[in-house]
C-alpha atoms as a PDB file:
ATOM      1  CA  MET A   1      14.875  -8.325  -8.876  1.00  0.00           C
ATOM      2  CA  ALA A   2      12.942  -5.076  -8.581  1.00  0.00           C
ATOM      3  CA  LYS A   3      13.404  -2.214 -11.047  1.00  0.00           C
ATOM      4  CA  ILE A   4      14.445   0.768  -8.944  1.00  0.00           C
ATOM      5  CA  GLU A   5      14.738   4.328 -10.223  1.00  0.00           C
ATOM      6  CA  VAL A   6      16.094   7.169  -8.114  1.00  0.00           C
ATOM      7  CA  TYR A   7      15.901  10.766  -9.302  1.00  0.00           C
ATOM      8  CA  THR A   8      18.754  12.742  -7.732  1.00  0.00           C
ATOM      9  CA  LYS A   9      20.739  15.966  -7.801  1.00  0.00           C
ATOM     10  CA  GLN A  10      24.449  16.430  -7.187  1.00  0.00           C
ATOM     11  CA  LEU A  11      25.529  17.266  -3.618  1.00  0.00           C
ATOM     12  CA  CYS A  12      22.144  16.267  -2.177  1.00  0.00           C
ATOM     13  CA  PRO A  13      22.571  14.642   1.264  1.00  0.00           C
ATOM     14  CA  TYR A  14      19.102  13.080   1.143  1.00  0.00           C
ATOM     15  CA  CYS A  15      19.931  11.509  -2.212  1.00  0.00           C
ATOM     16  CA  THR A  16      23.143  10.120  -0.748  1.00  0.00           C
ATOM     17  CA  ARG A  17      21.218   8.682   2.190  1.00  0.00           C
ATOM     18  CA  ALA A  18      18.622   6.990  -0.028  1.00  0.00           C
ATOM     19  CA  LYS A  19      21.279   5.542  -2.351  1.00  0.00           C
ATOM     20  CA  SER A  20      23.314   4.302   0.630  1.00  0.00           C
ATOM     21  CA  LEU A  21      20.296   2.484   2.052  1.00  0.00           C
ATOM     22  CA  LEU A  22      19.624   0.795  -1.277  1.00  0.00           C
ATOM     23  CA  MET A  23      23.307  -0.158  -1.628  1.00  0.00           C
ATOM     24  CA  ARG A  24      23.338  -1.645   1.899  1.00  0.00           C
ATOM     25  CA  LYS A  25      20.363  -3.754   0.833  1.00  0.00           C
ATOM     26  CA  GLY A  26      22.298  -4.924  -2.229  1.00  0.00           C
ATOM     27  CA  ALA A  27      19.701  -3.401  -4.544  1.00  0.00           C
ATOM     28  CA  ALA A  28      20.737  -2.271  -7.990  1.00  0.00           C
ATOM     29  CA  PHE A  29      19.124   0.981  -9.108  1.00  0.00           C
ATOM     30  CA  ASP A  30      19.109   3.410 -11.988  1.00  0.00           C
ATOM     31  CA  GLU A  31      20.116   6.903 -10.927  1.00  0.00           C
ATOM     32  CA  ILE A  32      18.602   9.734 -12.933  1.00  0.00           C
ATOM     33  CA  ASP A  33      20.483  12.977 -12.290  1.00  0.00           C
ATOM     34  CA  ILE A  34      18.232  16.012 -12.719  1.00  0.00           C
ATOM     35  CA  SER A  35      20.751  18.587 -11.461  1.00  0.00           C
ATOM     36  CA  MET A  36      20.487  20.517 -14.710  1.00  0.00           C
ATOM     37  CA  GLY A  37      16.685  20.308 -14.924  1.00  0.00           C
ATOM     38  CA  GLY A  38      15.286  19.528 -18.341  1.00  0.00           C
ATOM     39  CA  PRO A  39      12.849  16.871 -19.499  1.00  0.00           C
ATOM     40  CA  LYS A  40      13.878  14.292 -16.881  1.00  0.00           C
ATOM     41  CA  ARG A  41      12.992  16.754 -14.092  1.00  0.00           C
ATOM     42  CA  THR A  42       9.598  17.319 -15.700  1.00  0.00           C
ATOM     43  CA  GLU A  43       9.162  13.554 -15.978  1.00  0.00           C
ATOM     44  CA  MET A  44       9.988  13.116 -12.275  1.00  0.00           C
ATOM     45  CA  ILE A  45       7.491  15.782 -11.196  1.00  0.00           C
ATOM     46  CA  GLU A  46       4.742  14.191 -13.282  1.00  0.00           C
ATOM     47  CA  ARG A  47       5.493  10.683 -12.009  1.00  0.00           C
ATOM     48  CA  ALA A  48       5.800  11.870  -8.389  1.00  0.00           C
ATOM     49  CA  GLY A  49       2.412  13.566  -8.319  1.00  0.00           C
ATOM     50  CA  GLY A  50       3.838  17.083  -8.343  1.00  0.00           C
ATOM     51  CA  ARG A  51       6.675  16.599  -5.877  1.00  0.00           C
ATOM     52  CA  THR A  52       9.700  18.654  -6.823  1.00  0.00           C
ATOM     53  CA  THR A  53      12.202  17.600  -4.145  1.00  0.00           C
ATOM     54  CA  VAL A  54      14.856  14.940  -4.555  1.00  0.00           C
ATOM     55  CA  PRO A  55      15.346  12.128  -4.226  1.00  0.00           C
ATOM     56  CA  GLN A  56      12.203  10.595  -5.648  1.00  0.00           C
ATOM     57  CA  VAL A  57      12.277   6.804  -5.558  1.00  0.00           C
ATOM     58  CA  PHE A  58      10.261   4.419  -7.703  1.00  0.00           C
ATOM     59  CA  ILE A  59      10.211   0.646  -7.266  1.00  0.00           C
ATOM     60  CA  ASN A  60       8.677  -1.355 -10.113  1.00  0.00           C
ATOM     61  CA  GLY A  61       7.032   1.847 -11.338  1.00  0.00           C
ATOM     62  CA  THR A  62       5.384   2.614  -7.998  1.00  0.00           C
ATOM     63  CA  HIS A  63       6.228   5.934  -6.402  1.00  0.00           C
ATOM     64  CA  ILE A  64       7.779   5.323  -2.978  1.00  0.00           C
ATOM     65  CA  GLY A  65       8.594   8.943  -2.163  1.00  0.00           C
ATOM     66  CA  GLY A  66      11.759  10.513  -0.856  1.00  0.00           C
ATOM     67  CA  SER A  67      14.573   9.475   1.436  1.00  0.00           C
ATOM     68  CA  ASP A  68      12.476   9.659   4.607  1.00  0.00           C
ATOM     69  CA  ASP A  69       9.730   7.553   3.007  1.00  0.00           C
ATOM     70  CA  LEU A  70      12.258   4.935   1.926  1.00  0.00           C
ATOM     71  CA  ALA A  71      13.795   4.806   5.422  1.00  0.00           C
ATOM     72  CA  ALA A  72      10.338   4.509   6.998  1.00  0.00           C
ATOM     73  CA  LEU A  73       9.552   1.509   4.787  1.00  0.00           C
ATOM     74  CA  ASP A  74      12.783  -0.099   5.942  1.00  0.00           C
ATOM     75  CA  ARG A  75      12.048   0.577   9.629  1.00  0.00           C
ATOM     76  CA  ARG A  76       8.613  -1.019   9.241  1.00  0.00           C
ATOM     77  CA  GLY A  77      10.209  -4.083   7.610  1.00  0.00           C
ATOM     78  CA  GLU A  78       8.378  -3.494   4.324  1.00  0.00           C
ATOM     79  CA  LEU A  79      11.284  -2.518   2.066  1.00  0.00           C
ATOM     80  CA  ASP A  80      12.889  -5.946   1.637  1.00  0.00           C
ATOM     81  CA  SER A  81       9.760  -7.457   0.092  1.00  0.00           C
ATOM     82  CA  LEU A  82       9.529  -4.566  -2.396  1.00  0.00           C
ATOM     83  CA  LEU A  83      13.166  -5.071  -3.393  1.00  0.00           C
ATOM     84  CA  ALA A  84      12.789  -8.834  -3.967  1.00  0.00           C
END
């Protein structure tokens, strides 16, 4: 099973959408809440190549991007193989 990390903030509709997609796929993920900023937010920005928006999704350490990027992978039929 893939190691999935999702950086999120509270009340973020894009975060909710990304998490819902992963849940529909039956994928377990670690949610890292950066609502209050701090070192985890800095970590996310560094790992995401400077992106500051949430969510930021990583699968097996590879940066996937945000909610739209995750949905695009699913539409192209490429997400399931990453989650396996």
